[in-house]
PDB file of N, CA and C in Angstrom:
ATOM      1  N   UNK A   1      -0.867   1.215  10.706  1.00  0.00           N
ATOM      2  CA  UNK A   1      -0.049   0.208  10.046  1.00  0.00           C
ATOM      3  C   UNK A   1      -0.877  -1.022   9.679  1.00  0.00           C
ATOM      4  N   UNK A   2      -1.816  -1.384  10.578  1.00  0.00           N
ATOM      5  CA  UNK A   2      -2.645  -2.552  10.301  1.00  0.00           C
ATOM      6  C   UNK A   2      -3.537  -2.331   9.087  1.00  0.00           C
ATOM      7  N   UNK A   3      -3.975  -1.088   8.884  1.00  0.00           N
ATOM      8  CA  UNK A   3      -4.817  -0.783   7.728  1.00  0.00           C
ATOM      9  C   UNK A   3      -4.058  -1.026   6.426  1.00  0.00           C
ATOM     10  N   UNK A   4      -2.785  -0.641   6.407  1.00  0.00           N
ATOM     11  CA  UNK A   4      -1.967  -0.861   5.217  1.00  0.00           C
ATOM     12  C   UNK A   4      -1.774  -2.352   4.958  1.00  0.00           C
ATOM     13  N   UNK A   5      -1.574  -3.115   6.012  1.00  0.00           N
ATOM     14  CA  UNK A   5      -1.420  -4.564   5.860  1.00  0.00           C
ATOM     15  C   UNK A   5      -2.706  -5.171   5.315  1.00  0.00           C
ATOM     16  N   UNK A   6      -3.851  -4.724   5.834  1.00  0.00           N
ATOM     17  CA  UNK A   6      -5.137  -5.230   5.333  1.00  0.00           C
ATOM     18  C   UNK A   6      -5.310  -4.928   3.850  1.00  0.00           C
ATOM     19  N   UNK A   7      -4.963  -3.717   3.437  1.00  0.00           N
ATOM     20  CA  UNK A   7      -5.096  -3.342   2.022  1.00  0.00           C
ATOM     21  C   UNK A   7      -4.171  -4.177   1.143  1.00  0.00           C
ATOM     22  N   UNK A   8      -2.938  -4.369   1.581  1.00  0.00           N
ATOM     23  CA  UNK A   8      -1.994  -5.165   0.794  1.00  0.00           C
ATOM     24  C   UNK A   8      -2.445  -6.619   0.673  1.00  0.00           C
ATOM     25  N   UNK A   9      -2.977  -7.175   1.757  1.00  0.00           N
ATOM     26  CA  UNK A   9      -3.476  -8.558   1.712  1.00  0.00           C
ATOM     27  C   UNK A   9      -4.629  -8.661   0.730  1.00  0.00           C
ATOM     28  N   UNK A  10      -5.536  -7.698   0.752  1.00  0.00           N
ATOM     29  CA  UNK A  10      -6.675  -7.721  -0.168  1.00  0.00           C
ATOM     30  C   UNK A  10      -6.225  -7.607  -1.615  1.00  0.00           C
ATOM     31  N   UNK A  11      -5.284  -6.723  -1.898  1.00  0.00           N
ATOM     32  CA  UNK A  11      -4.812  -6.541  -3.272  1.00  0.00           C
ATOM     33  C   UNK A  11      -4.064  -7.775  -3.764  1.00  0.00           C
ATOM     34  N   UNK A  12      -3.181  -8.317  -2.938  1.00  0.00           N
ATOM     35  CA  UNK A  12      -2.400  -9.488  -3.356  1.00  0.00           C
ATOM     36  C   UNK A  12      -3.308 -10.702  -3.560  1.00  0.00           C
ATOM     37  N   UNK A  13      -4.224 -10.932  -2.631  1.00  0.00           N
ATOM     38  CA  UNK A  13      -5.135 -12.072  -2.795  1.00  0.00           C
ATOM     39  C   UNK A  13      -6.074 -11.867  -3.976  1.00  0.00           C
ATOM     40  N   UNK A  14      -6.458 -10.621  -4.241  1.00  0.00           N
ATOM     41  CA  UNK A  14      -7.260 -10.330  -5.423  1.00  0.00           C
ATOM     42  C   UNK A  14      -6.499 -10.605  -6.702  1.00  0.00           C
ATOM     43  N   UNK A  15      -5.214 -10.270  -6.728  1.00  0.00           N
ATOM     44  CA  UNK A  15      -4.393 -10.548  -7.905  1.00  0.00           C
ATOM     45  C   UNK A  15      -4.264 -12.047  -8.138  1.00  0.00           C
ATOM     46  N   UNK A  16      -4.117 -12.799  -7.066  1.00  0.00           N
ATOM     47  CA  UNK A  16      -4.065 -14.258  -7.191  1.00  0.00           C
ATOM     48  C   UNK A  16      -5.402 -14.789  -7.715  1.00  0.00           C
ATOM     49  N   UNK A  17      -6.500 -14.270  -7.178  1.00  0.00           N
ATOM     50  CA  UNK A  17      -7.822 -14.676  -7.656  1.00  0.00           C
ATOM     51  C   UNK A  17      -8.045 -14.310  -9.112  1.00  0.00           C
ATOM     52  N   UNK A  18      -7.560 -13.147  -9.519  1.00  0.00           N
ATOM     53  CA  UNK A  18      -7.679 -12.747 -10.922  1.00  0.00           C
ATOM     54  C   UNK A  18      -6.914 -13.668 -11.848  1.00  0.00           C
ATOM     55  N   UNK A  19      -5.746 -14.112 -11.415  1.00  0.00           N
ATOM     56  CA  UNK A  19      -4.978 -15.045 -12.235  1.00  0.00           C
ATOM     57  C   UNK A  19      -5.609 -16.432 -12.240  1.00  0.00           C
ATOM     58  N   UNK A  20      -6.279 -16.806 -11.160  1.00  0.00           N
ATOM     59  CA  UNK A  20      -7.023 -18.069 -11.171  1.00  0.00           C
ATOM     60  C   UNK A  20      -8.176 -18.005 -12.164  1.00  0.00           C
ATOM     61  N   UNK A  21      -8.837 -16.860 -12.223  1.00  0.00           N
ATOM     62  CA  UNK A  21      -9.910 -16.688 -13.202  1.00  0.00           C
ATOM     63  C   UNK A  21      -9.355 -16.723 -14.618  1.00  0.00           C
ATOM     64  N   UNK A  22      -8.113 -16.288 -14.788  1.00  0.00           N
ATOM     65  CA  UNK A  22      -7.483 -16.288 -16.098  1.00  0.00           C
ATOM     66  C   UNK A  22      -7.119 -17.673 -16.597  1.00  0.00           C
ATOM     67  N   UNK A  23      -7.230 -18.681 -15.756  1.00  0.00           N
ATOM     68  CA  UNK A  23      -6.935 -20.047 -16.187  1.00  0.00           C
ATOM     69  C   UNK A  23      -8.070 -20.633 -17.015  1.00  0.00           C
ATOM     70  N   UNK A  24      -9.180 -19.932 -17.103  1.00  0.00           N
ATOM     71  CA  UNK A  24     -10.294 -20.383 -17.922  1.00  0.00           C
ATOM     72  C   UNK A  24     -10.143 -19.800 -19.320  1.00  0.00           C
ATOM     73  N   UNK A  25     -11.097 -20.078 -20.169  1.00  0.00           N
ATOM     74  CA  UNK A  25     -11.021 -19.556 -21.531  1.00  0.00           C
ATOM     75  C   UNK A  25     -11.344 -18.058 -21.584  1.00  0.00           C
ATOM     76  N   UNK A  26     -11.766 -17.468 -20.474  1.00  0.00           N
ATOM     77  CA  UNK A  26     -12.065 -16.041 -20.432  1.00  0.00           C
ATOM     78  C   UNK A  26     -10.843 -15.205 -20.050  1.00  0.00           C
ATOM     79  N   UNK A  27      -9.652 -15.705 -20.255  1.00  0.00           N
ATOM     80  CA  UNK A  27      -8.442 -14.993 -19.856  1.00  0.00           C
ATOM     81  C   UNK A  27      -8.254 -13.710 -20.666  1.00  0.00           C
ATOM     82  N   UNK A  28      -7.801 -12.677 -19.986  1.00  0.00           N
ATOM     83  CA  UNK A  28      -7.516 -11.401 -20.628  1.00  0.00           C
ATOM     84  C   UNK A  28      -6.024 -11.149 -20.747  1.00  0.00           C
ATOM     85  N   UNK A  29      -5.222 -12.095 -20.329  1.00  0.00           N
ATOM     86  CA  UNK A  29      -3.778 -11.919 -20.279  1.00  0.00           C
ATOM     87  C   UNK A  29      -3.340 -11.735 -18.834  1.00  0.00           C
ATOM     88  N   UNK A  30      -2.124 -12.099 -18.552  1.00  0.00           N
ATOM     89  CA  UNK A  30      -1.652 -12.092 -17.175  1.00  0.00           C
ATOM     90  C   UNK A  30      -1.693 -10.710 -16.538  1.00  0.00           C
ATOM     91  N   UNK A  31      -1.266  -9.701 -17.247  1.00  0.00           N
ATOM     92  CA  UNK A  31      -1.230  -8.353 -16.686  1.00  0.00           C
ATOM     93  C   UNK A  31      -2.601  -7.809 -16.358  1.00  0.00           C
ATOM     94  N   UNK A  32      -3.526  -7.949 -17.282  1.00  0.00           N
ATOM     95  CA  UNK A  32      -4.881  -7.424 -17.055  1.00  0.00           C
ATOM     96  C   UNK A  32      -5.602  -8.252 -16.009  1.00  0.00           C
ATOM     97  N   UNK A  33      -5.418  -9.566 -16.016  1.00  0.00           N
ATOM     98  CA  UNK A  33      -6.022 -10.401 -14.978  1.00  0.00           C
ATOM     99  C   UNK A  33      -5.512 -10.006 -13.599  1.00  0.00           C
ATOM    100  N   UNK A  34      -4.224  -9.737 -13.490  1.00  0.00           N
ATOM    101  CA  UNK A  34      -3.641  -9.338 -12.212  1.00  0.00           C
ATOM    102  C   UNK A  34      -4.181  -7.984 -11.767  1.00  0.00           C
ATOM    103  N   UNK A  35      -4.242  -7.029 -12.688  1.00  0.00           N
ATOM    104  CA  UNK A  35      -4.746  -5.695 -12.353  1.00  0.00           C
ATOM    105  C   UNK A  35      -6.213  -5.737 -11.933  1.00  0.00           C
ATOM    106  N   UNK A  36      -7.052  -6.383 -12.754  1.00  0.00           N
ATOM    107  CA  UNK A  36      -8.475  -6.474 -12.419  1.00  0.00           C
ATOM    108  C   UNK A  36      -8.686  -7.248 -11.127  1.00  0.00           C
ATOM    109  N   UNK A  37      -7.884  -8.282 -10.918  1.00  0.00           N
ATOM    110  CA  UNK A  37      -7.988  -9.042  -9.679  1.00  0.00           C
ATOM    111  C   UNK A  37      -7.648  -8.192  -8.471  1.00  0.00           C
ATOM    112  N   UNK A  38      -6.598  -7.391  -8.574  1.00  0.00           N
ATOM    113  CA  UNK A  38      -6.241  -6.510  -7.465  1.00  0.00           C
ATOM    114  C   UNK A  38      -7.324  -5.492  -7.159  1.00  0.00           C
ATOM    115  N   UNK A  39      -7.914  -4.921  -8.201  1.00  0.00           N
ATOM    116  CA  UNK A  39      -8.991  -3.950  -8.011  1.00  0.00           C
ATOM    117  C   UNK A  39     -10.214  -4.629  -7.399  1.00  0.00           C
ATOM    118  N   UNK A  40     -10.587  -5.783  -7.938  1.00  0.00           N
ATOM    119  CA  UNK A  40     -11.746  -6.506  -7.401  1.00  0.00           C
ATOM    120  C   UNK A  40     -11.524  -6.952  -5.968  1.00  0.00           C
ATOM    121  N   UNK A  41     -10.317  -7.397  -5.669  1.00  0.00           N
ATOM    122  CA  UNK A  41     -10.002  -7.800  -4.305  1.00  0.00           C
ATOM    123  C   UNK A  41     -10.074  -6.638  -3.333  1.00  0.00           C
ATOM    124  N   UNK A  42      -9.587  -5.493  -3.768  1.00  0.00           N
ATOM    125  CA  UNK A  42      -9.639  -4.311  -2.909  1.00  0.00           C
ATOM    126  C   UNK A  42     -11.076  -3.863  -2.670  1.00  0.00           C
ATOM    127  N   UNK A  43     -11.877  -3.836  -3.717  1.00  0.00           N
ATOM    128  CA  UNK A  43     -13.260  -3.368  -3.590  1.00  0.00           C
ATOM    129  C   UNK A  43     -14.070  -4.309  -2.705  1.00  0.00           C
ATOM    130  N   UNK A  44     -14.086  -5.609  -3.024  1.00  0.00           N
ATOM    131  CA  UNK A  44     -14.879  -6.536  -2.220  1.00  0.00           C
ATOM    132  C   UNK A  44     -14.297  -6.678  -0.822  1.00  0.00           C
ATOM    133  N   UNK A  45     -12.983  -6.617  -0.704  1.00  0.00           N
ATOM    134  CA  UNK A  45     -12.366  -6.686   0.612  1.00  0.00           C
ATOM    135  C   UNK A  45     -12.800  -5.531   1.506  1.00  0.00           C
ATOM    136  N   UNK A  46     -12.876  -4.341   0.949  1.00  0.00           N
ATOM    137  CA  UNK A  46     -13.313  -3.188   1.734  1.00  0.00           C
ATOM    138  C   UNK A  46     -14.800  -3.282   2.087  1.00  0.00           C
ATOM    139  N   UNK A  47     -15.606  -3.796   1.173  1.00  0.00           N
ATOM    140  CA  UNK A  47     -17.034  -3.961   1.457  1.00  0.00           C
ATOM    141  C   UNK A  47     -17.236  -4.953   2.596  1.00  0.00           C
ATOM    142  N   UNK A  48     -16.558  -6.083   2.525  1.00  0.00           N
ATOM    143  CA  UNK A  48     -16.688  -7.101   3.570  1.00  0.00           C
ATOM    144  C   UNK A  48     -16.125  -6.590   4.891  1.00  0.00           C
ATOM    145  N   UNK A  49     -15.017  -5.862   4.841  1.00  0.00           N
ATOM    146  CA  UNK A  49     -14.447  -5.306   6.068  1.00  0.00           C
ATOM    147  C   UNK A  49     -15.406  -4.321   6.730  1.00  0.00           C
ATOM    148  N   UNK A  50     -16.073  -3.511   5.930  1.00  0.00           N
ATOM    149  CA  UNK A  50     -17.035  -2.563   6.480  1.00  0.00           C
ATOM    150  C   UNK A  50     -18.245  -3.282   7.065  1.00  0.00           C
ATOM    151  N   UNK A  51     -18.658  -4.366   6.420  1.00  0.00           N
ATOM    152  CA  UNK A  51     -19.818  -5.112   6.913  1.00  0.00           C
ATOM    153  C   UNK A  51     -19.506  -5.887   8.190  1.00  0.00           C
ATOM    154  N   UNK A  52     -18.274  -6.360   8.327  1.00  0.00           N
ATOM    155  CA  UNK A  52     -17.919  -7.139   9.506  1.00  0.00           C
ATOM    156  C   UNK A  52     -17.366  -6.286  10.635  1.00  0.00           C
ATOM    157  N   UNK A  53     -17.131  -5.030  10.385  1.00  0.00           N
ATOM    158  CA  UNK A  53     -16.651  -4.135  11.427  1.00  0.00           C
ATOM    159  C   UNK A  53     -15.150  -4.150  11.618  1.00  0.00           C
ATOM    160  N   UNK A  54     -14.407  -4.695  10.670  1.00  0.00           N
ATOM    161  CA  UNK A  54     -12.952  -4.720  10.789  1.00  0.00           C
ATOM    162  C   UNK A  54     -12.306  -3.682   9.882  1.00  0.00           C
ATOM    163  N   UNK A  55     -13.066  -2.690   9.438  1.00  0.00           N
ATOM    164  CA  UNK A  55     -12.532  -1.715   8.487  1.00  0.00           C
ATOM    165  C   UNK A  55     -11.733  -0.611   9.161  1.00  0.00           C
ATOM    166  N   UNK A  56     -11.777  -0.520  10.469  1.00  0.00           N
ATOM    167  CA  UNK A  56     -11.040   0.535  11.156  1.00  0.00           C
ATOM    168  C   UNK A  56      -9.546   0.341  11.122  1.00  0.00           C
ATOM    169  N   UNK A  57      -9.106  -0.882  10.909  1.00  0.00           N
ATOM    170  CA  UNK A  57      -7.694  -1.155  10.812  1.00  0.00           C
ATOM    171  C   UNK A  57      -7.008  -1.310  12.160  1.00  0.00           C
ATOM    172  N   UNK A  58      -7.776  -1.283  13.243  1.00  0.00           N
ATOM    173  CA  UNK A  58      -7.154  -1.376  14.553  1.00  0.00           C
ATOM    174  C   UNK A  58      -6.936  -2.817  15.003  1.00  0.00           C
ATOM    175  N   UNK A  59      -7.496  -3.766  14.285  1.00  0.00           N
ATOM    176  CA  UNK A  59      -7.324  -5.165  14.656  1.00  0.00           C
ATOM    177  C   UNK A  59      -6.571  -5.902  13.564  1.00  0.00           C
ATOM    178  N   UNK A  60      -5.688  -6.759  13.995  1.00  0.00           N
ATOM    179  CA  UNK A  60      -4.951  -7.605  13.066  1.00  0.00           C
ATOM    180  C   UNK A  60      -4.946  -9.005  13.662  1.00  0.00           C
ATOM    181  N   UNK A  61      -6.134  -9.596  13.743  1.00  0.00           N
ATOM    182  CA  UNK A  61      -6.247 -10.935  14.287  1.00  0.00           C
ATOM    183  C   UNK A  61      -6.523 -11.933  13.170  1.00  0.00           C
ATOM    184  N   UNK A  62      -6.642 -13.183  13.538  1.00  0.00           N
ATOM    185  CA  UNK A  62      -6.803 -14.247  12.547  1.00  0.00           C
ATOM    186  C   UNK A  62      -8.097 -14.072  11.756  1.00  0.00           C
ATOM    187  N   UNK A  63      -9.167 -13.683  12.416  1.00  0.00           N
ATOM    188  CA  UNK A  63     -10.451 -13.525  11.726  1.00  0.00           C
ATOM    189  C   UNK A  63     -10.392 -12.399  10.696  1.00  0.00           C
ATOM    190  N   UNK A  64      -9.770 -11.279  11.058  1.00  0.00           N
ATOM    191  CA  UNK A  64      -9.690 -10.150  10.130  1.00  0.00           C
ATOM    192  C   UNK A  64      -8.816 -10.487   8.929  1.00  0.00           C
ATOM    193  N   UNK A  65      -7.677 -11.114   9.172  1.00  0.00           N
ATOM    194  CA  UNK A  65      -6.783 -11.473   8.068  1.00  0.00           C
ATOM    195  C   UNK A  65      -7.420 -12.539   7.189  1.00  0.00           C
ATOM    196  N   UNK A  66      -8.061 -13.525   7.797  1.00  0.00           N
ATOM    197  CA  UNK A  66      -8.755 -14.557   7.019  1.00  0.00           C
ATOM    198  C   UNK A  66      -9.868 -13.987   6.177  1.00  0.00           C
ATOM    199  N   UNK A  67     -10.598 -13.040   6.737  1.00  0.00           N
ATOM    200  CA  UNK A  67     -11.659 -12.374   5.980  1.00  0.00           C
ATOM    201  C   UNK A  67     -11.084 -11.594   4.813  1.00  0.00           C
ATOM    202  N   UNK A  68      -9.962 -10.924   5.022  1.00  0.00           N
ATOM    203  CA  UNK A  68      -9.318 -10.182   3.940  1.00  0.00           C
ATOM    204  C   UNK A  68      -8.815 -11.110   2.848  1.00  0.00           C
ATOM    205  N   UNK A  69      -8.276 -12.254   3.228  1.00  0.00           N
ATOM    206  CA  UNK A  69      -7.769 -13.210   2.240  1.00  0.00           C
ATOM    207  C   UNK A  69      -8.907 -13.757   1.384  1.00  0.00           C
ATOM    208  N   UNK A  70      -9.971 -14.193   2.038  1.00  0.00           N
ATOM    209  CA  UNK A  70     -11.090 -14.795   1.299  1.00  0.00           C
ATOM    210  C   UNK A  70     -11.809 -13.758   0.445  1.00  0.00           C
ATOM    211  N   UNK A  71     -12.152 -12.612   1.036  1.00  0.00           N
ATOM    212  CA  UNK A  71     -12.900 -11.614   0.272  1.00  0.00           C
ATOM    213  C   UNK A  71     -12.054 -11.017  -0.852  1.00  0.00           C
ATOM    214  N   UNK A  72     -10.767 -10.827  -0.612  1.00  0.00           N
ATOM    215  CA  UNK A  72      -9.897 -10.322  -1.669  1.00  0.00           C
ATOM    216  C   UNK A  72      -9.764 -11.305  -2.809  1.00  0.00           C
ATOM    217  N   UNK A  73      -9.561 -12.567  -2.491  1.00  0.00           N
ATOM    218  CA  UNK A  73      -9.435 -13.586  -3.527  1.00  0.00           C
ATOM    219  C   UNK A  73     -10.703 -13.763  -4.340  1.00  0.00           C
ATOM    220  N   UNK A  74     -11.829 -13.804  -3.647  1.00  0.00           N
ATOM    221  CA  UNK A  74     -13.109 -13.970  -4.352  1.00  0.00           C
ATOM    222  C   UNK A  74     -13.427 -12.736  -5.196  1.00  0.00           C
ATOM    223  N   UNK A  75     -13.184 -11.556  -4.645  1.00  0.00           N
ATOM    224  CA  UNK A  75     -13.439 -10.326  -5.407  1.00  0.00           C
ATOM    225  C   UNK A  75     -12.603 -10.250  -6.665  1.00  0.00           C
ATOM    226  N   UNK A  76     -11.336 -10.604  -6.556  1.00  0.00           N
ATOM    227  CA  UNK A  76     -10.466 -10.603  -7.730  1.00  0.00           C
ATOM    228  C   UNK A  76     -10.878 -11.627  -8.758  1.00  0.00           C
ATOM    229  N   UNK A  77     -11.228 -12.800  -8.297  1.00  0.00           N
ATOM    230  CA  UNK A  77     -11.656 -13.857  -9.201  1.00  0.00           C
ATOM    231  C   UNK A  77     -12.921 -13.460  -9.947  1.00  0.00           C
ATOM    232  N   UNK A  78     -13.883 -12.932  -9.222  1.00  0.00           N
ATOM    233  CA  UNK A  78     -15.172 -12.583  -9.839  1.00  0.00           C
ATOM    234  C   UNK A  78     -15.017 -11.448 -10.854  1.00  0.00           C
ATOM    235  N   UNK A  79     -14.308 -10.390 -10.483  1.00  0.00           N
ATOM    236  CA  UNK A  79     -14.175  -9.256 -11.411  1.00  0.00           C
ATOM    237  C   UNK A  79     -13.421  -9.645 -12.677  1.00  0.00           C
ATOM    238  N   UNK A  80     -12.328 -10.385 -12.537  1.00  0.00           N
ATOM    239  CA  UNK A  80     -11.558 -10.794 -13.714  1.00  0.00           C
ATOM    240  C   UNK A  80     -12.366 -11.756 -14.584  1.00  0.00           C
ATOM    241  N   UNK A  81     -13.120 -12.655 -13.957  1.00  0.00           N
ATOM    242  CA  UNK A  81     -13.920 -13.601 -14.733  1.00  0.00           C
ATOM    243  C   UNK A  81     -15.044 -12.883 -15.477  1.00  0.00           C
ATOM    244  N   UNK A  82     -15.706 -11.942 -14.816  1.00  0.00           N
ATOM    245  CA  UNK A  82     -16.797 -11.209 -15.470  1.00  0.00           C
ATOM    246  C   UNK A  82     -16.268 -10.398 -16.649  1.00  0.00           C
ATOM    247  N   UNK A  83     -15.136  -9.727 -16.472  1.00  0.00           N
ATOM    248  CA  UNK A  83     -14.563  -8.944 -17.570  1.00  0.00           C
ATOM    249  C   UNK A  83     -14.173  -9.850 -18.736  1.00  0.00           C
ATOM    250  N   UNK A  84     -13.594 -11.012 -18.438  1.00  0.00           N
ATOM    251  CA  UNK A  84     -13.246 -11.955 -19.498  1.00  0.00           C
ATOM    252  C   UNK A  84     -14.463 -12.523 -20.187  1.00  0.00           C
ATOM    253  N   UNK A  85     -15.515 -12.781 -19.427  1.00  0.00           N
ATOM    254  CA  UNK A  85     -16.763 -13.303 -19.995  1.00  0.00           C
ATOM    255  C   UNK A  85     -17.386 -12.291 -20.946  1.00  0.00           C
ATOM    256  N   UNK A  86     -17.407 -11.034 -20.532  1.00  0.00           N
ATOM    257  CA  UNK A  86     -17.962  -9.978 -21.393  1.00  0.00           C
ATOM    258  C   UNK A  86     -17.134  -9.845 -22.667  1.00  0.00           C
ATOM    259  N   UNK A  87     -15.805  -9.889 -22.528  1.00  0.00           N
ATOM    260  CA  UNK A  87     -14.947  -9.776 -23.715  1.00  0.00           C
ATOM    261  C   UNK A  87     -15.168 -10.941 -24.662  1.00  0.00           C
ATOM    262  N   UNK A  88     -15.289 -12.157 -24.134  1.00  0.00           N
ATOM    263  CA  UNK A  88     -15.479 -13.309 -25.009  1.00  0.00           C
ATOM    264  C   UNK A  88     -16.842 -13.266 -25.693  1.00  0.00           C
ATOM    265  N   UNK A  89     -17.854 -12.760 -25.041  1.00  0.00           N
ATOM    266  CA  UNK A  89     -19.181 -12.649 -25.664  1.00  0.00           C
ATOM    267  C   UNK A  89     -19.204 -11.553 -26.727  1.00  0.00           C
ATOM    268  N   UNK A  90     -18.468 -10.485 -26.516  1.00  0.00           N
ATOM    269  CA  UNK A  90     -18.410  -9.418 -27.515  1.00  0.00           C
ATOM    270  C   UNK A  90     -17.613  -9.857 -28.733  1.00  0.00           C
ATOM    271  N   UNK A  91     -16.601 -10.686 -28.548  1.00  0.00           N
ATOM    272  CA  UNK A  91     -15.784 -11.156 -29.652  1.00  0.00           C
ATOM    273  C   UNK A  91     -16.484 -12.219 -30.475  1.00  0.00           C
ATOM    274  N   UNK A  92     -17.475 -12.881 -29.873  1.00  0.00           N
ATOM    275  CA  UNK A  92     -18.193 -13.951 -30.567  1.00  0.00           C
ATOM    276  C   UNK A  92     -19.161 -13.408 -31.606  1.00  0.00           C
ATOM    277  N   UNK A  93     -19.495 -12.153 -31.543  1.00  0.00           N
ATOM    278  CA  UNK A  93     -20.481 -11.581 -32.461  1.00  0.00           C
ATOM    279  C   UNK A  93     -19.873 -11.242 -33.786  1.00  0.00           C
TER     280      UNK A  93
END
């Protein structure tokens, strides 16, 4: 059950991060920013969880949840921003 909670936290925080990235001129639209943010949050969240040893899902403490929130948000923000940056550079040509 804790593993599912960790995944949901990573996806939701990634979606929030993706929408934060969409507040810049590199926005791809709310739906795509949310989707890319969720994917980026899940990917970076799982990488950080594996590196910190909280990927087993057996712990649901403050450190694990905080790590999921930060890594999910940053992962979502970065992926959505990079995709928007690439799109804006391709459209400029």
